[in-house]
Structures are given as structure tokens and as C-alpha cells.
Amino acid sequence: DGNQEEIIHACERAEGAMLRVYKNALSKRI
């Protein structure tokens, strides 16, 4: 779409999802 603002917004949401994945991994006994 060529939408720079939406690219940044999508990066933020993807980063938030990555944080949740890592937080879940760190909650395990490893």
C-alpha cells in the first residue's frame, strides 16, 4: 500500500507479539 505509518504500526504489533513469545518461554523451567 506504500503506507509508511502502517509499516511502523505493523512492526510495533509484531514486536509486541515477539515479546509475548519470549515472556512465555522465560516462564518455563529451563
PDB file of all heavy atoms in Angstrom:
ATOM      1  N   ASP A   1       0.821  -1.218   0.000  1.00  0.00           N
ATOM      2  CA  ASP A   1       0.000   0.000   0.000  1.00  0.00           C
ATOM      3  C   ASP A   1       0.855   1.268   0.000  1.00  0.00           C
ATOM      4  O   ASP A   1       0.337   2.357  -0.227  1.00  0.00           O
ATOM      5  CB  ASP A   1      -0.929   0.028   1.219  1.00  0.00           C
ATOM      6  CG  ASP A   1      -1.954  -1.091   1.201  1.00  0.00           C
ATOM      7  OD1 ASP A   1      -2.162  -1.699   0.125  1.00  0.00           O
ATOM      8  OD2 ASP A   1      -2.539  -1.355   2.269  1.00  0.00           O
ATOM      9  N   GLY A   2       2.146   1.110   0.305  1.00  0.00           N
ATOM     10  CA  GLY A   2       3.036   2.265   0.365  1.00  0.00           C
ATOM     11  C   GLY A   2       2.784   3.157   1.562  1.00  0.00           C
ATOM     12  O   GLY A   2       3.127   4.336   1.552  1.00  0.00           O
ATOM     13  N   ASN A   3       2.205   2.608   2.609  1.00  0.00           N
ATOM     14  CA  ASN A   3       1.837   3.385   3.784  1.00  0.00           C
ATOM     15  C   ASN A   3       2.921   3.253   4.859  1.00  0.00           C
ATOM     16  O   ASN A   3       2.981   2.263   5.583  1.00  0.00           O
ATOM     17  CB  ASN A   3       0.482   2.900   4.311  1.00  0.00           C
ATOM     18  CG  ASN A   3      -0.050   3.745   5.426  1.00  0.00           C
ATOM     19  OD1 ASN A   3       0.695   4.398   6.150  1.00  0.00           O
ATOM     20  ND2 ASN A   3      -1.365   3.728   5.580  1.00  0.00           N
ATOM     21  N   GLN A   4       3.779   4.274   4.970  1.00  0.00           N
ATOM     22  CA  GLN A   4       4.895   4.264   5.911  1.00  0.00           C
ATOM     23  C   GLN A   4       4.425   4.155   7.368  1.00  0.00           C
ATOM     24  O   GLN A   4       5.003   3.408   8.150  1.00  0.00           O
ATOM     25  CB  GLN A   4       5.715   5.550   5.748  1.00  0.00           C
ATOM     26  CG  GLN A   4       6.191   5.796   4.335  1.00  0.00           C
ATOM     27  CD  GLN A   4       7.570   5.270   4.086  1.00  0.00           C
ATOM     28  OE1 GLN A   4       8.470   5.517   4.870  1.00  0.00           O
ATOM     29  NE2 GLN A   4       7.745   4.556   3.006  1.00  0.00           N
ATOM     30  N   GLU A   5       3.388   4.892   7.705  1.00  0.00           N
ATOM     31  CA  GLU A   5       2.876   4.853   9.077  1.00  0.00           C
ATOM     32  C   GLU A   5       2.352   3.466   9.425  1.00  0.00           C
ATOM     33  O   GLU A   5       2.558   2.975  10.535  1.00  0.00           O
ATOM     34  CB  GLU A   5       1.762   5.884   9.266  1.00  0.00           C
ATOM     35  CG  GLU A   5       2.248   7.310   9.218  1.00  0.00           C
ATOM     36  CD  GLU A   5       1.115   8.304   9.249  1.00  0.00           C
ATOM     37  OE1 GLU A   5       0.037   7.992   9.804  1.00  0.00           O
ATOM     38  OE2 GLU A   5       1.307   9.402   8.718  1.00  0.00           O
ATOM     39  N   GLU A   6       1.695   2.830   8.491  1.00  0.00           N
ATOM     40  CA  GLU A   6       1.152   1.492   8.742  1.00  0.00           C
ATOM     41  C   GLU A   6       2.273   0.457   8.848  1.00  0.00           C
ATOM     42  O   GLU A   6       2.161  -0.505   9.602  1.00  0.00           O
ATOM     43  CB  GLU A   6       0.153   1.105   7.651  1.00  0.00           C
ATOM     44  CG  GLU A   6      -0.685  -0.090   7.995  1.00  0.00           C
ATOM     45  CD  GLU A   6      -1.441   0.026   9.319  1.00  0.00           C
ATOM     46  OE1 GLU A   6      -1.960   1.108   9.638  1.00  0.00           O
ATOM     47  OE2 GLU A   6      -1.497  -0.982  10.053  1.00  0.00           O
ATOM     48  N   ILE A   7       3.366   0.671   8.129  1.00  0.00           N
ATOM     49  CA  ILE A   7       4.521  -0.235   8.249  1.00  0.00           C
ATOM     50  C   ILE A   7       5.066  -0.174   9.679  1.00  0.00           C
ATOM     51  O   ILE A   7       5.298  -1.218  10.304  1.00  0.00           O
ATOM     52  CB  ILE A   7       5.629   0.128   7.232  1.00  0.00           C
ATOM     53  CG1 ILE A   7       5.142  -0.147   5.801  1.00  0.00           C
ATOM     54  CG2 ILE A   7       6.909  -0.658   7.526  1.00  0.00           C
ATOM     55  CD1 ILE A   7       6.061   0.401   4.716  1.00  0.00           C
ATOM     56  N   ILE A   8       5.238   1.038  10.205  1.00  0.00           N
ATOM     57  CA  ILE A   8       5.732   1.202  11.575  1.00  0.00           C
ATOM     58  C   ILE A   8       4.743   0.585  12.570  1.00  0.00           C
ATOM     59  O   ILE A   8       5.140  -0.120  13.508  1.00  0.00           O
ATOM     60  CB  ILE A   8       5.975   2.691  11.905  1.00  0.00           C
ATOM     61  CG1 ILE A   8       7.067   3.272  11.008  1.00  0.00           C
ATOM     62  CG2 ILE A   8       6.313   2.887  13.378  1.00  0.00           C
ATOM     63  CD1 ILE A   8       8.424   2.659  11.187  1.00  0.00           C
ATOM     64  N   HIS A   9       3.461   0.814  12.352  1.00  0.00           N
ATOM     65  CA  HIS A   9       2.431   0.261  13.238  1.00  0.00           C
ATOM     66  C   HIS A   9       2.472  -1.274  13.212  1.00  0.00           C
ATOM     67  O   HIS A   9       2.381  -1.926  14.262  1.00  0.00           O
ATOM     68  CB  HIS A   9       1.050   0.778  12.820  1.00  0.00           C
ATOM     69  CG  HIS A   9      -0.050   0.407  13.747  1.00  0.00           C
ATOM     70  ND1 HIS A   9      -0.091   0.816  15.060  1.00  0.00           N
ATOM     71  CD2 HIS A   9      -1.150  -0.357  13.550  1.00  0.00           C
ATOM     72  CE1 HIS A   9      -1.164   0.320  15.644  1.00  0.00           C
ATOM     73  NE2 HIS A   9      -1.829  -0.394  14.744  1.00  0.00           N
ATOM     74  N   ALA A  10       2.640  -1.852  12.048  1.00  0.00           N
ATOM     75  CA  ALA A  10       2.719  -3.311  11.933  1.00  0.00           C
ATOM     76  C   ALA A  10       3.981  -3.839  12.618  1.00  0.00           C
ATOM     77  O   ALA A  10       3.944  -4.899  13.262  1.00  0.00           O
ATOM     78  CB  ALA A  10       2.692  -3.721  10.461  1.00  0.00           C
ATOM     79  N   CYS A  11       5.087  -3.117  12.504  1.00  0.00           N
ATOM     80  CA  CYS A  11       6.315  -3.523  13.190  1.00  0.00           C
ATOM     81  C   CYS A  11       6.108  -3.517  14.705  1.00  0.00           C
ATOM     82  O   CYS A  11       6.561  -4.425  15.408  1.00  0.00           O
ATOM     83  CB  CYS A  11       7.471  -2.591  12.831  1.00  0.00           C
ATOM     84  SG  CYS A  11       8.140  -2.800  11.170  1.00  0.00           S
ATOM     85  N   GLU A  12       5.405  -2.501  15.200  1.00  0.00           N
ATOM     86  CA  GLU A  12       5.135  -2.423  16.637  1.00  0.00           C
ATOM     87  C   GLU A  12       4.304  -3.617  17.108  1.00  0.00           C
ATOM     88  O   GLU A  12       4.604  -4.232  18.128  1.00  0.00           O
ATOM     89  CB  GLU A  12       4.414  -1.126  16.976  1.00  0.00           C
ATOM     90  CG  GLU A  12       4.101  -1.029  18.461  1.00  0.00           C
ATOM     91  CD  GLU A  12       3.139   0.078  18.802  1.00  0.00           C
ATOM     92  OE1 GLU A  12       2.344   0.488  17.939  1.00  0.00           O
ATOM     93  OE2 GLU A  12       3.146   0.502  19.973  1.00  0.00           O
ATOM     94  N   ARG A  13       3.267  -3.955  16.360  1.00  0.00           N
ATOM     95  CA  ARG A  13       2.424  -5.091  16.757  1.00  0.00           C
ATOM     96  C   ARG A  13       3.199  -6.411  16.687  1.00  0.00           C
ATOM     97  O   ARG A  13       3.062  -7.261  17.575  1.00  0.00           O
ATOM     98  CB  ARG A  13       1.171  -5.145  15.900  1.00  0.00           C
ATOM     99  CG  ARG A  13       0.163  -4.084  16.297  1.00  0.00           C
ATOM    100  CD  ARG A  13      -1.216  -4.355  15.738  1.00  0.00           C
ATOM    101  NE  ARG A  13      -1.249  -4.365  14.295  1.00  0.00           N
ATOM    102  CZ  ARG A  13      -1.481  -3.301  13.525  1.00  0.00           C
ATOM    103  NH1 ARG A  13      -1.685  -2.121  14.078  1.00  0.00           N
ATOM    104  NH2 ARG A  13      -1.508  -3.404  12.228  1.00  0.00           N
ATOM    105  N   ALA A  14       4.026  -6.573  15.663  1.00  0.00           N
ATOM    106  CA  ALA A  14       4.835  -7.792  15.554  1.00  0.00           C
ATOM    107  C   ALA A  14       5.830  -7.885  16.702  1.00  0.00           C
ATOM    108  O   ALA A  14       6.065  -8.962  17.257  1.00  0.00           O
ATOM    109  CB  ALA A  14       5.558  -7.823  14.207  1.00  0.00           C
ATOM    110  N   GLU A  15       6.391  -6.748  17.077  1.00  0.00           N
ATOM    111  CA  GLU A  15       7.333  -6.718  18.199  1.00  0.00           C
ATOM    112  C   GLU A  15       6.626  -7.069  19.507  1.00  0.00           C
ATOM    113  O   GLU A  15       7.164  -7.781  20.352  1.00  0.00           O
ATOM    114  CB  GLU A  15       7.971  -5.331  18.274  1.00  0.00           C
ATOM    115  CG  GLU A  15       9.294  -5.303  18.916  1.00  0.00           C
ATOM    116  CD  GLU A  15      10.373  -6.035  18.133  1.00  0.00           C
ATOM    117  OE1 GLU A  15      10.155  -6.552  17.040  1.00  0.00           O
ATOM    118  OE2 GLU A  15      11.481  -6.101  18.670  1.00  0.00           O
ATOM    119  N   GLY A  16       5.410  -6.576  19.683  1.00  0.00           N
ATOM    120  CA  GLY A  16       4.629  -6.923  20.870  1.00  0.00           C
ATOM    121  C   GLY A  16       4.353  -8.418  20.940  1.00  0.00           C
ATOM    122  O   GLY A  16       4.439  -9.020  22.017  1.00  0.00           O
ATOM    123  N   ALA A  17       4.061  -9.010  19.801  1.00  0.00           N
ATOM    124  CA  ALA A  17       3.835 -10.466  19.757  1.00  0.00           C
ATOM    125  C   ALA A  17       5.117 -11.213  20.104  1.00  0.00           C
ATOM    126  O   ALA A  17       5.090 -12.211  20.834  1.00  0.00           O
ATOM    127  CB  ALA A  17       3.336 -10.875  18.374  1.00  0.00           C
ATOM    128  N   MET A  18       6.236 -10.708  19.627  1.00  0.00           N
ATOM    129  CA  MET A  18       7.515 -11.347  19.930  1.00  0.00           C
ATOM    130  C   MET A  18       7.816 -11.276  21.422  1.00  0.00           C
ATOM    131  O   MET A  18       8.323 -12.238  22.005  1.00  0.00           O
ATOM    132  CB  MET A  18       8.620 -10.686  19.118  1.00  0.00           C
ATOM    133  CG  MET A  18       9.861 -11.496  19.017  1.00  0.00           C
ATOM    134  SD  MET A  18      10.846 -10.889  17.644  1.00  0.00           S
ATOM    135  CE  MET A  18      12.176 -12.056  17.722  1.00  0.00           C
ATOM    136  N   LEU A  19       7.487 -10.148  22.040  1.00  0.00           N
ATOM    137  CA  LEU A  19       7.667 -10.026  23.490  1.00  0.00           C
ATOM    138  C   LEU A  19       6.864 -11.087  24.237  1.00  0.00           C
ATOM    139  O   LEU A  19       7.358 -11.692  25.189  1.00  0.00           O
ATOM    140  CB  LEU A  19       7.233  -8.636  23.968  1.00  0.00           C
ATOM    141  CG  LEU A  19       8.233  -7.514  23.824  1.00  0.00           C
ATOM    142  CD1 LEU A  19       7.591  -6.183  24.192  1.00  0.00           C
ATOM    143  CD2 LEU A  19       9.464  -7.769  24.673  1.00  0.00           C
ATOM    144  N   ARG A  20       5.635 -11.306  23.806  1.00  0.00           N
ATOM    145  CA  ARG A  20       4.795 -12.317  24.471  1.00  0.00           C
ATOM    146  C   ARG A  20       5.374 -13.722  24.306  1.00  0.00           C
ATOM    147  O   ARG A  20       5.365 -14.517  25.249  1.00  0.00           O
ATOM    148  CB  ARG A  20       3.366 -12.248  23.932  1.00  0.00           C
ATOM    149  CG  ARG A  20       2.624 -11.001  24.392  1.00  0.00           C
ATOM    150  CD  ARG A  20       1.157 -11.005  24.016  1.00  0.00           C
ATOM    151  NE  ARG A  20       0.925 -11.016  22.578  1.00  0.00           N
ATOM    152  CZ  ARG A  20       0.918  -9.941  21.799  1.00  0.00           C
ATOM    153  NH1 ARG A  20       1.161  -8.742  22.323  1.00  0.00           N
ATOM    154  NH2 ARG A  20       0.673 -10.046  20.507  1.00  0.00           N
ATOM    155  N   VAL A  21       5.902 -14.029  23.136  1.00  0.00           N
ATOM    156  CA  VAL A  21       6.500 -15.346  22.888  1.00  0.00           C
ATOM    157  C   VAL A  21       7.706 -15.553  23.802  1.00  0.00           C
ATOM    158  O   VAL A  21       7.870 -16.616  24.412  1.00  0.00           O
ATOM    159  CB  VAL A  21       6.892 -15.500  21.397  1.00  0.00           C
ATOM    160  CG1 VAL A  21       7.757 -16.716  21.175  1.00  0.00           C
ATOM    161  CG2 VAL A  21       5.652 -15.558  20.515  1.00  0.00           C
ATOM    162  N   TYR A  22       8.547 -14.537  23.900  1.00  0.00           N
ATOM    163  CA  TYR A  22       9.730 -14.646  24.758  1.00  0.00           C
ATOM    164  C   TYR A  22       9.350 -14.710  26.236  1.00  0.00           C
ATOM    165  O   TYR A  22       9.936 -15.465  27.012  1.00  0.00           O
ATOM    166  CB  TYR A  22      10.693 -13.480  24.509  1.00  0.00           C
ATOM    167  CG  TYR A  22      11.749 -13.823  23.490  1.00  0.00           C
ATOM    168  CD1 TYR A  22      11.453 -13.821  22.134  1.00  0.00           C
ATOM    169  CD2 TYR A  22      13.037 -14.169  23.874  1.00  0.00           C
ATOM    170  CE1 TYR A  22      12.417 -14.143  21.189  1.00  0.00           C
ATOM    171  CE2 TYR A  22      14.008 -14.493  22.952  1.00  0.00           C
ATOM    172  CZ  TYR A  22      13.694 -14.477  21.606  1.00  0.00           C
ATOM    173  OH  TYR A  22      14.641 -14.809  20.686  1.00  0.00           O
ATOM    174  N   LYS A  23       8.371 -13.917  26.637  1.00  0.00           N
ATOM    175  CA  LYS A  23       7.925 -13.938  28.038  1.00  0.00           C
ATOM    176  C   LYS A  23       7.419 -15.331  28.400  1.00  0.00           C
ATOM    177  O   LYS A  23       7.719 -15.853  29.476  1.00  0.00           O
ATOM    178  CB  LYS A  23       6.842 -12.887  28.259  1.00  0.00           C
ATOM    179  CG  LYS A  23       6.482 -12.694  29.703  1.00  0.00           C
ATOM    180  CD  LYS A  23       5.526 -11.530  29.869  1.00  0.00           C
ATOM    181  CE  LYS A  23       5.238 -11.314  31.338  1.00  0.00           C
ATOM    182  NZ  LYS A  23       4.381 -10.156  31.562  1.00  0.00           N
ATOM    183  N   ASN A  24       6.677 -15.927  27.492  1.00  0.00           N
ATOM    184  CA  ASN A  24       6.184 -17.293  27.710  1.00  0.00           C
ATOM    185  C   ASN A  24       7.355 -18.273  27.833  1.00  0.00           C
ATOM    186  O   ASN A  24       7.366 -19.131  28.723  1.00  0.00           O
ATOM    187  CB  ASN A  24       5.244 -17.707  26.578  1.00  0.00           C
ATOM    188  CG  ASN A  24       4.689 -19.089  26.779  1.00  0.00           C
ATOM    189  OD1 ASN A  24       4.234 -19.450  27.849  1.00  0.00           O
ATOM    190  ND2 ASN A  24       4.738 -19.890  25.726  1.00  0.00           N
ATOM    191  N   ALA A  25       8.336 -18.155  26.973  1.00  0.00           N
ATOM    192  CA  ALA A  25       9.495 -19.049  27.030  1.00  0.00           C
ATOM    193  C   ALA A  25      10.251 -18.883  28.347  1.00  0.00           C
ATOM    194  O   ALA A  25      10.686 -19.864  28.955  1.00  0.00           O
ATOM    195  CB  ALA A  25      10.419 -18.791  25.846  1.00  0.00           C
ATOM    196  N   LEU A  26      10.389 -17.641  28.794  1.00  0.00           N
ATOM    197  CA  LEU A  26      11.110 -17.384  30.046  1.00  0.00           C
ATOM    198  C   LEU A  26      10.336 -17.836  31.283  1.00  0.00           C
ATOM    199  O   LEU A  26      10.917 -17.992  32.354  1.00  0.00           O
ATOM    200  CB  LEU A  26      11.462 -15.901  30.157  1.00  0.00           C
ATOM    201  CG  LEU A  26      12.617 -15.452  29.270  1.00  0.00           C
ATOM    202  CD1 LEU A  26      12.663 -13.940  29.169  1.00  0.00           C
ATOM    203  CD2 LEU A  26      13.935 -16.007  29.802  1.00  0.00           C
ATOM    204  N   SER A  27       9.037 -18.059  31.133  1.00  0.00           N
ATOM    205  CA  SER A  27       8.241 -18.518  32.270  1.00  0.00           C
ATOM    206  C   SER A  27       8.418 -20.023  32.523  1.00  0.00           C
ATOM    207  O   SER A  27       8.003 -20.531  33.552  1.00  0.00           O
ATOM    208  CB  SER A  27       6.757 -18.208  32.052  1.00  0.00           C
ATOM    209  OG  SER A  27       6.208 -19.058  31.057  1.00  0.00           O
ATOM    210  N   LYS A  28       9.059 -20.699  31.586  1.00  0.00           N
ATOM    211  CA  LYS A  28       9.267 -22.146  31.728  1.00  0.00           C
ATOM    212  C   LYS A  28      10.512 -22.423  32.565  1.00  0.00           C
ATOM    213  O   LYS A  28      11.374 -21.574  32.724  1.00  0.00           O
ATOM    214  CB  LYS A  28       9.392 -22.772  30.343  1.00  0.00           C
ATOM    215  CG  LYS A  28       8.146 -22.587  29.495  1.00  0.00           C
ATOM    216  CD  LYS A  28       8.279 -23.268  28.172  1.00  0.00           C
ATOM    217  CE  LYS A  28       7.087 -23.057  27.278  1.00  0.00           C
ATOM    218  NZ  LYS A  28       5.806 -23.341  27.851  1.00  0.00           N
ATOM    219  N   ARG A  29      10.574 -23.622  33.064  1.00  0.00           N
ATOM    220  CA  ARG A  29      11.756 -24.048  33.821  1.00  0.00           C
ATOM    221  C   ARG A  29      12.778 -24.562  32.821  1.00  0.00           C
ATOM    222  O   ARG A  29      12.652 -25.672  32.308  1.00  0.00           O
ATOM    223  CB  ARG A  29      11.372 -25.111  34.834  1.00  0.00           C
ATOM    224  CG  ARG A  29      10.427 -24.547  35.898  1.00  0.00           C
ATOM    225  CD  ARG A  29      10.134 -25.512  37.003  1.00  0.00           C
ATOM    226  NE  ARG A  29      11.398 -25.901  37.641  1.00  0.00           N
ATOM    227  CZ  ARG A  29      11.611 -27.110  38.143  1.00  0.00           C
ATOM    228  NH1 ARG A  29      10.692 -28.040  38.112  1.00  0.00           N
ATOM    229  NH2 ARG A  29      12.777 -27.396  38.690  1.00  0.00           N
ATOM    230  N   ILE A  30      13.763 -23.728  32.539  1.00  0.00           N
ATOM    231  CA  ILE A  30      14.750 -24.031  31.505  1.00  0.00           C
ATOM    232  C   ILE A  30      16.159 -23.938  32.089  1.00  0.00           C
ATOM    233  O   ILE A  30      16.365 -23.307  33.128  1.00  0.00           O
ATOM    234  CB  ILE A  30      14.605 -23.067  30.306  1.00  0.00           C
ATOM    235  CG1 ILE A  30      14.629 -21.608  30.761  1.00  0.00           C
ATOM    236  CG2 ILE A  30      13.325 -23.353  29.529  1.00  0.00           C
ATOM    237  CD1 ILE A  30      14.509 -20.567  29.658  1.00  0.00           C
TER     238      ILE A  30
END
